[in-house]
Amino acid sequence: MKMKRDENMILFGLAGLIISYILYINDRILLSALAFTATVIIGLIWGALYLRKKNMR
């Protein structure tokens, strides 16, 4: 179960890196930083909610 959460965090992190890299190419450094942090935060919240829902069953 912990491994599943780590895999999700890795996926969200990679998505954030890809988004930030694309935005960085477009010379929008501030937006890339915001996109990366937003993706990581969404990943953390989603992972916490997913674990809580799984524990309730």
PDB file of N, CA and C in Angstrom:
ATOM      1  N   MET A   1       0.837  -1.198   0.000  1.00  0.00           N
ATOM      2  CA  MET A   1       0.000   0.000   0.000  1.00  0.00           C
ATOM      3  C   MET A   1       0.876   1.253   0.000  1.00  0.00           C
ATOM      4  N   LYS A   2       1.944   1.209   0.806  1.00  0.00           N
ATOM      5  CA  LYS A   2       2.862   2.349   0.822  1.00  0.00           C
ATOM      6  C   LYS A   2       3.529   2.508  -0.546  1.00  0.00           C
ATOM      7  N   MET A   3       3.857   1.379  -1.166  1.00  0.00           N
ATOM      8  CA  MET A   3       4.483   1.426  -2.477  1.00  0.00           C
ATOM      9  C   MET A   3       3.537   2.070  -3.495  1.00  0.00           C
ATOM     10  N   LYS A   4       2.247   1.737  -3.392  1.00  0.00           N
ATOM     11  CA  LYS A   4       1.263   2.318  -4.309  1.00  0.00           C
ATOM     12  C   LYS A   4       1.252   3.840  -4.179  1.00  0.00           C
ATOM     13  N   ARG A   5       1.287   4.329  -2.944  1.00  0.00           N
ATOM     14  CA  ARG A   5       1.275   5.779  -2.717  1.00  0.00           C
ATOM     15  C   ARG A   5       2.550   6.406  -3.285  1.00  0.00           C
ATOM     16  N   ASP A   6       3.691   5.740  -3.085  1.00  0.00           N
ATOM     17  CA  ASP A   6       4.951   6.266  -3.611  1.00  0.00           C
ATOM     18  C   ASP A   6       4.915   6.315  -5.133  1.00  0.00           C
ATOM     19  N   GLU A   7       4.315   5.282  -5.757  1.00  0.00           N
ATOM     20  CA  GLU A   7       4.201   5.276  -7.216  1.00  0.00           C
ATOM     21  C   GLU A   7       3.355   6.446  -7.686  1.00  0.00           C
ATOM     22  N   ASN A   8       2.251   6.719  -6.972  1.00  0.00           N
ATOM     23  CA  ASN A   8       1.398   7.850  -7.341  1.00  0.00           C
ATOM     24  C   ASN A   8       2.160   9.159  -7.208  1.00  0.00           C
ATOM     25  N   MET A   9       2.931   9.305  -6.124  1.00  0.00           N
ATOM     26  CA  MET A   9       3.700  10.530  -5.929  1.00  0.00           C
ATOM     27  C   MET A   9       4.729  10.693  -7.052  1.00  0.00           C
ATOM     28  N   ILE A  10       5.352   9.579  -7.453  1.00  0.00           N
ATOM     29  CA  ILE A  10       6.336   9.640  -8.533  1.00  0.00           C
ATOM     30  C   ILE A  10       5.660  10.061  -9.832  1.00  0.00           C
ATOM     31  N   LEU A  11       4.461   9.497 -10.099  1.00  0.00           N
ATOM     32  CA  LEU A  11       3.729   9.860 -11.319  1.00  0.00           C
ATOM     33  C   LEU A  11       3.377  11.339 -11.320  1.00  0.00           C
ATOM     34  N   PHE A  12       2.859  11.833 -10.182  1.00  0.00           N
ATOM     35  CA  PHE A  12       2.496  13.251 -10.103  1.00  0.00           C
ATOM     36  C   PHE A  12       3.738  14.131 -10.230  1.00  0.00           C
ATOM     37  N   GLY A  13       4.828  13.695  -9.637  1.00  0.00           N
ATOM     38  CA  GLY A  13       6.069  14.459  -9.736  1.00  0.00           C
ATOM     39  C   GLY A  13       6.566  14.535 -11.175  1.00  0.00           C
ATOM     40  N   LEU A  14       6.495  13.394 -11.877  1.00  0.00           N
ATOM     41  CA  LEU A  14       6.914  13.382 -13.280  1.00  0.00           C
ATOM     42  C   LEU A  14       6.018  14.277 -14.120  1.00  0.00           C
ATOM     43  N   ALA A  15       4.698  14.220 -13.867  1.00  0.00           N
ATOM     44  CA  ALA A  15       3.765  15.082 -14.604  1.00  0.00           C
ATOM     45  C   ALA A  15       4.107  16.550 -14.353  1.00  0.00           C
ATOM     46  N   GLY A  16       4.393  16.883 -13.100  1.00  0.00           N
ATOM     47  CA  GLY A  16       4.762  18.257 -12.758  1.00  0.00           C
ATOM     48  C   GLY A  16       6.051  18.679 -13.447  1.00  0.00           C
ATOM     49  N   LEU A  17       7.027  17.766 -13.483  1.00  0.00           N
ATOM     50  CA  LEU A  17       8.291  18.091 -14.144  1.00  0.00           C
ATOM     51  C   LEU A  17       8.088  18.317 -15.634  1.00  0.00           C
ATOM     52  N   ILE A  18       7.259  17.466 -16.264  1.00  0.00           N
ATOM     53  CA  ILE A  18       6.999  17.608 -17.702  1.00  0.00           C
ATOM     54  C   ILE A  18       6.308  18.936 -17.980  1.00  0.00           C
ATOM     55  N   ILE A  19       5.280  19.262 -17.170  1.00  0.00           N
ATOM     56  CA  ILE A  19       4.550  20.525 -17.345  1.00  0.00           C
ATOM     57  C   ILE A  19       5.496  21.705 -17.160  1.00  0.00           C
ATOM     58  N   SER A  20       6.310  21.649 -16.090  1.00  0.00           N
ATOM     59  CA  SER A  20       7.213  22.767 -15.814  1.00  0.00           C
ATOM     60  C   SER A  20       8.271  22.888 -16.915  1.00  0.00           C
ATOM     61  N   TYR A  21       8.716  21.746 -17.461  1.00  0.00           N
ATOM     62  CA  TYR A  21       9.712  21.779 -18.538  1.00  0.00           C
ATOM     63  C   TYR A  21       9.125  22.415 -19.798  1.00  0.00           C
ATOM     64  N   ILE A  22       7.879  22.040 -20.143  1.00  0.00           N
ATOM     65  CA  ILE A  22       7.210  22.621 -21.314  1.00  0.00           C
ATOM     66  C   ILE A  22       7.050  24.127 -21.130  1.00  0.00           C
ATOM     67  N   LEU A  23       6.605  24.542 -19.924  1.00  0.00           N
ATOM     68  CA  LEU A  23       6.419  25.969 -19.668  1.00  0.00           C
ATOM     69  C   LEU A  23       7.766  26.692 -19.632  1.00  0.00           C
ATOM     70  N   TYR A  24       8.815  26.006 -19.162  1.00  0.00           N
ATOM     71  CA  TYR A  24      10.149  26.611 -19.114  1.00  0.00           C
ATOM     72  C   TYR A  24      10.656  26.890 -20.527  1.00  0.00           C
ATOM     73  N   ILE A  25      10.348  25.984 -21.459  1.00  0.00           N
ATOM     74  CA  ILE A  25      10.726  26.188 -22.859  1.00  0.00           C
ATOM     75  C   ILE A  25      10.061  27.470 -23.376  1.00  0.00           C
ATOM     76  N   ASN A  26       8.831  27.722 -22.923  1.00  0.00           N
ATOM     77  CA  ASN A  26       8.097  28.911 -23.355  1.00  0.00           C
ATOM     78  C   ASN A  26       8.503  30.160 -22.574  1.00  0.00           C
ATOM     79  N   ASP A  27       9.624  30.073 -21.809  1.00  0.00           N
ATOM     80  CA  ASP A  27      10.147  31.219 -21.055  1.00  0.00           C
ATOM     81  C   ASP A  27       9.141  31.754 -20.041  1.00  0.00           C
ATOM     82  N   ARG A  28       8.413  30.849 -19.408  1.00  0.00           N
ATOM     83  CA  ARG A  28       7.496  31.269 -18.344  1.00  0.00           C
ATOM     84  C   ARG A  28       7.946  30.565 -17.062  1.00  0.00           C
ATOM     85  N   ILE A  29       9.036  31.069 -16.487  1.00  0.00           N
ATOM     86  CA  ILE A  29       9.666  30.383 -15.350  1.00  0.00           C
ATOM     87  C   ILE A  29       8.745  30.410 -14.128  1.00  0.00           C
ATOM     88  N   LEU A  30       8.093  31.541 -13.883  1.00  0.00           N
ATOM     89  CA  LEU A  30       7.210  31.654 -12.722  1.00  0.00           C
ATOM     90  C   LEU A  30       6.046  30.672 -12.838  1.00  0.00           C
ATOM     91  N   LEU A  31       5.444  30.601 -14.029  1.00  0.00           N
ATOM     92  CA  LEU A  31       4.324  29.684 -14.245  1.00  0.00           C
ATOM     93  C   LEU A  31       4.764  28.236 -14.089  1.00  0.00           C
ATOM     94  N   SER A  32       5.976  27.901 -14.535  1.00  0.00           N
ATOM     95  CA  SER A  32       6.454  26.528 -14.424  1.00  0.00           C
ATOM     96  C   SER A  32       6.616  26.142 -12.957  1.00  0.00           C
ATOM     97  N   ALA A  33       7.124  27.078 -12.138  1.00  0.00           N
ATOM     98  CA  ALA A  33       7.277  26.805 -10.709  1.00  0.00           C
ATOM     99  C   ALA A  33       5.909  26.613 -10.060  1.00  0.00           C
ATOM    100  N   LEU A  34       4.946  27.461 -10.428  1.00  0.00           N
ATOM    101  CA  LEU A  34       3.591  27.344  -9.880  1.00  0.00           C
ATOM    102  C   LEU A  34       2.953  26.028 -10.299  1.00  0.00           C
ATOM    103  N   ALA A  35       3.112  25.659 -11.561  1.00  0.00           N
ATOM    104  CA  ALA A  35       2.526  24.413 -12.058  1.00  0.00           C
ATOM    105  C   ALA A  35       3.124  23.214 -11.327  1.00  0.00           C
ATOM    106  N   PHE A  36       4.440  23.249 -11.106  1.00  0.00           N
ATOM    107  CA  PHE A  36       5.099  22.129 -10.433  1.00  0.00           C
ATOM    108  C   PHE A  36       4.605  21.983  -8.996  1.00  0.00           C
ATOM    109  N   THR A  37       4.566  23.105  -8.255  1.00  0.00           N
ATOM    110  CA  THR A  37       4.122  23.037  -6.860  1.00  0.00           C
ATOM    111  C   THR A  37       2.655  22.627  -6.785  1.00  0.00           C
ATOM    112  N   ALA A  38       1.827  23.145  -7.704  1.00  0.00           N
ATOM    113  CA  ALA A  38       0.404  22.792  -7.708  1.00  0.00           C
ATOM    114  C   ALA A  38       0.232  21.298  -7.955  1.00  0.00           C
ATOM    115  N   THR A  39       1.005  20.737  -8.889  1.00  0.00           N
ATOM    116  CA  THR A  39       0.888  19.313  -9.186  1.00  0.00           C
ATOM    117  C   THR A  39       1.291  18.471  -7.982  1.00  0.00           C
ATOM    118  N   VAL A  40       2.375  18.873  -7.307  1.00  0.00           N
ATOM    119  CA  VAL A  40       2.831  18.116  -6.132  1.00  0.00           C
ATOM    120  C   VAL A  40       1.794  18.187  -5.016  1.00  0.00           C
ATOM    121  N   ILE A  41       1.223  19.393  -4.790  1.00  0.00           N
ATOM    122  CA  ILE A  41       0.211  19.554  -3.740  1.00  0.00           C
ATOM    123  C   ILE A  41      -1.020  18.712  -4.054  1.00  0.00           C
ATOM    124  N   ILE A  42      -1.473  18.749  -5.320  1.00  0.00           N
ATOM    125  CA  ILE A  42      -2.631  17.937  -5.723  1.00  0.00           C
ATOM    126  C   ILE A  42      -2.320  16.457  -5.505  1.00  0.00           C
ATOM    127  N   GLY A  43      -1.104  16.050  -5.835  1.00  0.00           N
ATOM    128  CA  GLY A  43      -0.702  14.658  -5.633  1.00  0.00           C
ATOM    129  C   GLY A  43      -0.753  14.257  -4.167  1.00  0.00           C
ATOM    130  N   LEU A  44      -0.268  15.136  -3.288  1.00  0.00           N
ATOM    131  CA  LEU A  44      -0.295  14.850  -1.851  1.00  0.00           C
ATOM    132  C   LEU A  44      -1.726  14.725  -1.343  1.00  0.00           C
ATOM    133  N   ILE A  45      -2.584  15.689  -1.723  1.00  0.00           N
ATOM    134  CA  ILE A  45      -3.980  15.674  -1.264  1.00  0.00           C
ATOM    135  C   ILE A  45      -4.689  14.433  -1.789  1.00  0.00           C
ATOM    136  N   TRP A  46      -4.499  14.143  -3.082  1.00  0.00           N
ATOM    137  CA  TRP A  46      -5.161  12.989  -3.689  1.00  0.00           C
ATOM    138  C   TRP A  46      -4.704  11.696  -3.013  1.00  0.00           C
ATOM    139  N   GLY A  47      -3.398  11.588  -2.753  1.00  0.00           N
ATOM    140  CA  GLY A  47      -2.871  10.397  -2.089  1.00  0.00           C
ATOM    141  C   GLY A  47      -3.429  10.237  -0.682  1.00  0.00           C
ATOM    142  N   ALA A  48      -3.534  11.344   0.061  1.00  0.00           N
ATOM    143  CA  ALA A  48      -4.067  11.288   1.426  1.00  0.00           C
ATOM    144  C   ALA A  48      -5.536  10.874   1.412  1.00  0.00           C
ATOM    145  N   LEU A  49      -6.321  11.458   0.513  1.00  0.00           N
ATOM    146  CA  LEU A  49      -7.743  11.112   0.420  1.00  0.00           C
ATOM    147  C   LEU A  49      -7.914   9.659   0.007  1.00  0.00           C
ATOM    148  N   TYR A  50      -7.084   9.198  -0.925  1.00  0.00           N
ATOM    149  CA  TYR A  50      -7.169   7.819  -1.403  1.00  0.00           C
ATOM    150  C   TYR A  50      -6.866   6.840  -0.270  1.00  0.00           C
ATOM    151  N   LEU A  51      -5.825   7.141   0.518  1.00  0.00           N
ATOM    152  CA  LEU A  51      -5.467   6.262   1.630  1.00  0.00           C
ATOM    153  C   LEU A  51      -6.563   6.266   2.692  1.00  0.00           C
ATOM    154  N   ARG A  52      -7.134   7.434   2.977  1.00  0.00           N
ATOM    155  CA  ARG A  52      -8.191   7.535   3.985  1.00  0.00           C
ATOM    156  C   ARG A  52      -9.416   6.730   3.551  1.00  0.00           C
ATOM    157  N   LYS A  53      -9.788   6.833   2.277  1.00  0.00           N
ATOM    158  CA  LYS A  53     -10.945   6.101   1.759  1.00  0.00           C
ATOM    159  C   LYS A  53     -10.688   4.597   1.826  1.00  0.00           C
ATOM    160  N   LYS A  54      -9.452   4.189   1.529  1.00  0.00           N
ATOM    161  CA  LYS A  54      -9.110   2.773   1.544  1.00  0.00           C
ATOM    162  C   LYS A  54      -9.120   2.234   2.978  1.00  0.00           C
ATOM    163  N   ASN A  55      -8.696   3.051   3.951  1.00  0.00           N
ATOM    164  CA  ASN A  55      -8.670   2.614   5.344  1.00  0.00           C
ATOM    165  C   ASN A  55     -10.068   2.508   5.938  1.00  0.00           C
ATOM    166  N   MET A  56     -11.021   3.304   5.422  1.00  0.00           N
ATOM    167  CA  MET A  56     -12.375   3.286   5.971  1.00  0.00           C
ATOM    168  C   MET A  56     -13.086   1.964   5.701  1.00  0.00           C
ATOM    169  N   ARG A  57     -12.741   1.304   4.579  1.00  0.00           N
ATOM    170  CA  ARG A  57     -13.422   0.054   4.225  1.00  0.00           C
ATOM    171  C   ARG A  57     -13.087  -1.067   5.186  1.00  0.00           C
TER     172      ARG A  57
END
